[in-house]
C-alpha cells in the first residue's frame, strides 16, 4: 500500500508540474530554433544558404 501511495504522489506531482510548465512558459517559435540536423554542429542557426548568397 505504501508503494502505491508513493507512485500516486509521484505521478500526480509530475503531471501537475508539466501542466504548470506548459501554462507558465511562452510558446515556442519554431522559426527561431536551429534545425535539428545542425544542433551542436557549430553551423549558424539563422537564415538559409539561399538568402545569404550574393
PDB file of N, CA and C in Angstrom:
ATOM      1  N   UNK A   1       0.819  -1.196   0.000  1.00  0.00           N
ATOM      2  CA  UNK A   1       0.000   0.000   0.000  1.00  0.00           C
ATOM      3  C   UNK A   1       0.860   1.256   0.000  1.00  0.00           C
ATOM      4  N   UNK A   2       2.000   1.183   0.705  1.00  0.00           N
ATOM      5  CA  UNK A   2       2.870   2.346   0.775  1.00  0.00           C
ATOM      6  C   UNK A   2       3.467   2.661  -0.596  1.00  0.00           C
ATOM      7  N   UNK A   3       3.830   1.633  -1.351  1.00  0.00           N
ATOM      8  CA  UNK A   3       4.386   1.837  -2.686  1.00  0.00           C
ATOM      9  C   UNK A   3       3.356   2.477  -3.609  1.00  0.00           C
ATOM     10  N   UNK A   4       2.119   2.033  -3.517  1.00  0.00           N
ATOM     11  CA  UNK A   4       1.055   2.617  -4.337  1.00  0.00           C
ATOM     12  C   UNK A   4       0.891   4.095  -4.036  1.00  0.00           C
ATOM     13  N   UNK A   5       0.961   4.478  -2.774  1.00  0.00           N
ATOM     14  CA  UNK A   5       0.817   5.889  -2.394  1.00  0.00           C
ATOM     15  C   UNK A   5       1.947   6.729  -2.962  1.00  0.00           C
ATOM     16  N   UNK A   6       3.172   6.206  -2.882  1.00  0.00           N
ATOM     17  CA  UNK A   6       4.305   6.947  -3.431  1.00  0.00           C
ATOM     18  C   UNK A   6       4.195   7.094  -4.943  1.00  0.00           C
ATOM     19  N   UNK A   7       3.746   6.050  -5.621  1.00  0.00           N
ATOM     20  CA  UNK A   7       3.561   6.130  -7.073  1.00  0.00           C
ATOM     21  C   UNK A   7       2.499   7.157  -7.430  1.00  0.00           C
ATOM     22  N   UNK A   8       1.409   7.130  -6.699  1.00  0.00           N
ATOM     23  CA  UNK A   8       0.325   8.069  -6.962  1.00  0.00           C
ATOM     24  C   UNK A   8       0.783   9.514  -6.738  1.00  0.00           C
ATOM     25  N   UNK A   9       1.507   9.758  -5.665  1.00  0.00           N
ATOM     26  CA  UNK A   9       2.018  11.097  -5.377  1.00  0.00           C
ATOM     27  C   UNK A   9       3.009  11.532  -6.457  1.00  0.00           C
ATOM     28  N   UNK A  10       3.909  10.631  -6.845  1.00  0.00           N
ATOM     29  CA  UNK A  10       4.897  10.955  -7.873  1.00  0.00           C
ATOM     30  C   UNK A  10       4.234  11.359  -9.178  1.00  0.00           C
ATOM     31  N   UNK A  11       3.323  10.505  -9.682  1.00  0.00           N
ATOM     32  CA  UNK A  11       2.691  10.791 -10.968  1.00  0.00           C
ATOM     33  C   UNK A  11       1.804  12.030 -10.906  1.00  0.00           C
ATOM     34  N   UNK A  12       1.144  12.246  -9.781  1.00  0.00           N
ATOM     35  CA  UNK A  12       0.326  13.451  -9.633  1.00  0.00           C
ATOM     36  C   UNK A  12       1.193  14.704  -9.681  1.00  0.00           C
ATOM     37  N   UNK A  13       2.302  14.690  -8.940  1.00  0.00           N
ATOM     38  CA  UNK A  13       3.196  15.854  -8.946  1.00  0.00           C
ATOM     39  C   UNK A  13       3.833  16.064 -10.318  1.00  0.00           C
ATOM     40  N   UNK A  14       4.187  14.993 -11.002  1.00  0.00           N
ATOM     41  CA  UNK A  14       4.772  15.129 -12.332  1.00  0.00           C
ATOM     42  C   UNK A  14       3.782  15.738 -13.317  1.00  0.00           C
ATOM     43  N   UNK A  15       2.547  15.269 -13.296  1.00  0.00           N
ATOM     44  CA  UNK A  15       1.525  15.809 -14.199  1.00  0.00           C
ATOM     45  C   UNK A  15       1.225  17.266 -13.872  1.00  0.00           C
ATOM     46  N   UNK A  16       1.164  17.596 -12.578  1.00  0.00           N
ATOM     47  CA  UNK A  16       0.928  18.987 -12.178  1.00  0.00           C
ATOM     48  C   UNK A  16       2.086  19.872 -12.637  1.00  0.00           C
ATOM     49  N   UNK A  17       3.323  19.393 -12.485  1.00  0.00           N
ATOM     50  CA  UNK A  17       4.482  20.179 -12.899  1.00  0.00           C
ATOM     51  C   UNK A  17       4.495  20.412 -14.407  1.00  0.00           C
ATOM     52  N   UNK A  18       4.214  19.372 -15.186  1.00  0.00           N
ATOM     53  CA  UNK A  18       4.192  19.523 -16.641  1.00  0.00           C
ATOM     54  C   UNK A  18       3.079  20.474 -17.065  1.00  0.00           C
ATOM     55  N   UNK A  19       1.926  20.371 -16.428  1.00  0.00           N
ATOM     56  CA  UNK A  19       0.837  21.300 -16.728  1.00  0.00           C
ATOM     57  C   UNK A  19       1.185  22.731 -16.386  1.00  0.00           C
ATOM     58  N   UNK A  20       1.802  22.939 -15.222  1.00  0.00           N
ATOM     59  CA  UNK A  20       2.217  24.291 -14.824  1.00  0.00           C
ATOM     60  C   UNK A  20       3.252  24.836 -15.799  1.00  0.00           C
ATOM     61  N   UNK A  21       4.210  24.007 -16.192  1.00  0.00           N
ATOM     62  CA  UNK A  21       5.251  24.447 -17.113  1.00  0.00           C
ATOM     63  C   UNK A  21       4.658  24.839 -18.464  1.00  0.00           C
ATOM     64  N   UNK A  22       3.698  24.072 -18.946  1.00  0.00           N
ATOM     65  CA  UNK A  22       3.069  24.375 -20.227  1.00  0.00           C
ATOM     66  C   UNK A  22       2.290  25.691 -20.169  1.00  0.00           C
ATOM     67  N   UNK A  23       1.675  25.981 -19.030  1.00  0.00           N
ATOM     68  CA  UNK A  23       0.886  27.212 -18.893  1.00  0.00           C
ATOM     69  C   UNK A  23       1.786  28.422 -18.650  1.00  0.00           C
ATOM     70  N   UNK A  24       2.855  28.247 -17.874  1.00  0.00           N
ATOM     71  CA  UNK A  24       3.693  29.376 -17.462  1.00  0.00           C
ATOM     72  C   UNK A  24       4.733  29.791 -18.494  1.00  0.00           C
ATOM     73  N   UNK A  25       5.146  28.889 -19.373  1.00  0.00           N
ATOM     74  CA  UNK A  25       6.207  29.228 -20.309  1.00  0.00           C
ATOM     75  C   UNK A  25       5.631  29.820 -21.598  1.00  0.00           C
ATOM     76  N   UNK A  26       6.416  30.698 -22.247  1.00  0.00           N
ATOM     77  CA  UNK A  26       5.932  31.276 -23.512  1.00  0.00           C
ATOM     78  C   UNK A  26       5.911  30.212 -24.600  1.00  0.00           C
ATOM     79  N   UNK A  27       5.083  30.401 -25.614  1.00  0.00           N
ATOM     80  CA  UNK A  27       5.025  29.411 -26.688  1.00  0.00           C
ATOM     81  C   UNK A  27       6.345  29.359 -27.462  1.00  0.00           C
ATOM     82  N   UNK A  28       6.669  28.201 -27.991  1.00  0.00           N
ATOM     83  CA  UNK A  28       7.903  28.015 -28.742  1.00  0.00           C
ATOM     84  C   UNK A  28       7.701  28.508 -30.168  1.00  0.00           C
ATOM     85  N   UNK A  29       8.610  29.353 -30.620  1.00  0.00           N
ATOM     86  CA  UNK A  29       8.594  29.813 -32.007  1.00  0.00           C
ATOM     87  C   UNK A  29       9.556  28.938 -32.788  1.00  0.00           C
ATOM     88  N   UNK A  30       9.037  28.013 -33.575  1.00  0.00           N
ATOM     89  CA  UNK A  30       9.888  27.067 -34.283  1.00  0.00           C
ATOM     90  C   UNK A  30      10.746  27.733 -35.349  1.00  0.00           C
ATOM     91  N   UNK A  31      10.396  28.937 -35.761  1.00  0.00           N
ATOM     92  CA  UNK A  31      11.199  29.642 -36.767  1.00  0.00           C
ATOM     93  C   UNK A  31      12.516  30.141 -36.178  1.00  0.00           C
ATOM     94  N   UNK A  32      12.592  30.285 -34.845  1.00  0.00           N
ATOM     95  CA  UNK A  32      13.814  30.759 -34.206  1.00  0.00           C
ATOM     96  C   UNK A  32      14.706  29.625 -33.717  1.00  0.00           C
ATOM     97  N   UNK A  33      14.226  28.403 -33.773  1.00  0.00           N
ATOM     98  CA  UNK A  33      15.002  27.258 -33.312  1.00  0.00           C
ATOM     99  C   UNK A  33      15.962  26.808 -34.411  1.00  0.00           C
ATOM    100  N   UNK A  34      17.153  26.325 -34.041  1.00  0.00           N
ATOM    101  CA  UNK A  34      18.060  25.811 -35.070  1.00  0.00           C
ATOM    102  C   UNK A  34      17.515  24.513 -35.652  1.00  0.00           C
ATOM    103  N   UNK A  35      17.852  24.214 -36.896  1.00  0.00           N
ATOM    104  CA  UNK A  35      17.402  22.945 -37.453  1.00  0.00           C
ATOM    105  C   UNK A  35      17.966  21.783 -36.646  1.00  0.00           C
ATOM    106  N   UNK A  36      17.196  20.723 -36.492  1.00  0.00           N
ATOM    107  CA  UNK A  36      17.599  19.601 -35.669  1.00  0.00           C
ATOM    108  C   UNK A  36      18.890  18.967 -36.171  1.00  0.00           C
ATOM    109  N   UNK A  37      19.041  18.902 -37.468  1.00  0.00           N
ATOM    110  CA  UNK A  37      20.227  18.261 -38.048  1.00  0.00           C
ATOM    111  C   UNK A  37      21.489  19.075 -37.739  1.00  0.00           C
ATOM    112  N   UNK A  38      21.358  20.387 -37.496  1.00  0.00           N
ATOM    113  CA  UNK A  38      22.508  21.240 -37.252  1.00  0.00           C
ATOM    114  C   UNK A  38      22.764  21.462 -35.762  1.00  0.00           C
ATOM    115  N   UNK A  39      21.977  20.854 -34.901  1.00  0.00           N
ATOM    116  CA  UNK A  39      22.140  21.071 -33.466  1.00  0.00           C
ATOM    117  C   UNK A  39      23.510  20.577 -33.015  1.00  0.00           C
ATOM    118  N   UNK A  40      24.295  21.482 -32.459  1.00  0.00           N
ATOM    119  CA  UNK A  40      25.607  21.129 -31.937  1.00  0.00           C
ATOM    120  C   UNK A  40      26.706  21.029 -32.976  1.00  0.00           C
ATOM    121  N   UNK A  41      26.420  21.364 -34.230  1.00  0.00           N
ATOM    122  CA  UNK A  41      27.444  21.216 -35.265  1.00  0.00           C
ATOM    123  C   UNK A  41      28.257  22.491 -35.453  1.00  0.00           C
ATOM    124  N   UNK A  42      27.833  23.588 -34.825  1.00  0.00           N
ATOM    125  CA  UNK A  42      28.533  24.851 -34.989  1.00  0.00           C
ATOM    126  C   UNK A  42      28.031  25.669 -36.160  1.00  0.00           C
ATOM    127  N   UNK A  43      27.061  25.147 -36.896  1.00  0.00           N
ATOM    128  CA  UNK A  43      26.511  25.898 -38.016  1.00  0.00           C
ATOM    129  C   UNK A  43      25.635  27.023 -37.498  1.00  0.00           C
ATOM    130  N   UNK A  44      25.540  28.092 -38.286  1.00  0.00           N
ATOM    131  CA  UNK A  44      24.675  29.207 -37.925  1.00  0.00           C
ATOM    132  C   UNK A  44      23.228  28.750 -37.934  1.00  0.00           C
ATOM    133  N   UNK A  45      22.452  29.226 -36.973  1.00  0.00           N
ATOM    134  CA  UNK A  45      21.067  28.778 -36.863  1.00  0.00           C
ATOM    135  C   UNK A  45      20.087  29.738 -37.512  1.00  0.00           C
ATOM    136  N   UNK A  46      20.558  30.838 -38.095  1.00  0.00           N
ATOM    137  CA  UNK A  46      19.645  31.803 -38.713  1.00  0.00           C
ATOM    138  C   UNK A  46      19.913  31.884 -40.203  1.00  0.00           C
ATOM    139  N   UNK A  47      18.870  32.131 -40.964  1.00  0.00           N
ATOM    140  CA  UNK A  47      18.995  32.296 -42.393  1.00  0.00           C
ATOM    141  C   UNK A  47      19.240  30.980 -43.103  1.00  0.00           C
ATOM    142  N   UNK A  48      18.980  30.982 -44.378  1.00  0.00           N
ATOM    143  CA  UNK A  48      19.232  29.800 -45.188  1.00  0.00           C
ATOM    144  C   UNK A  48      20.388  30.079 -46.144  1.00  0.00           C
ATOM    145  N   UNK A  49      20.886  29.050 -46.757  1.00  0.00           N
ATOM    146  CA  UNK A  49      22.030  29.242 -47.647  1.00  0.00           C
ATOM    147  C   UNK A  49      21.635  30.055 -48.876  1.00  0.00           C
ATOM    148  N   UNK A  50      20.372  29.990 -49.285  1.00  0.00           N
ATOM    149  CA  UNK A  50      19.932  30.749 -50.463  1.00  0.00           C
ATOM    150  C   UNK A  50      19.872  32.249 -50.170  1.00  0.00           C
ATOM    151  N   UNK A  51      19.481  32.601 -48.949  1.00  0.00           N
ATOM    152  CA  UNK A  51      19.324  34.012 -48.628  1.00  0.00           C
ATOM    153  C   UNK A  51      20.654  34.714 -48.383  1.00  0.00           C
ATOM    154  N   UNK A  52      21.722  33.954 -48.153  1.00  0.00           N
ATOM    155  CA  UNK A  52      22.994  34.595 -47.888  1.00  0.00           C
ATOM    156  C   UNK A  52      23.886  34.665 -49.121  1.00  0.00           C
ATOM    157  N   UNK A  53      23.421  34.099 -50.242  1.00  0.00           N
ATOM    158  CA  UNK A  53      24.214  34.137 -51.473  1.00  0.00           C
ATOM    159  C   UNK A  53      24.166  35.539 -52.072  1.00  0.00           C
ATOM    160  N   UNK A  54      25.295  36.001 -52.555  1.00  0.00           N
ATOM    161  CA  UNK A  54      25.350  37.354 -53.134  1.00  0.00           C
ATOM    162  C   UNK A  54      25.524  37.270 -54.630  1.00  0.00           C
TER     163      UNK A  54
END
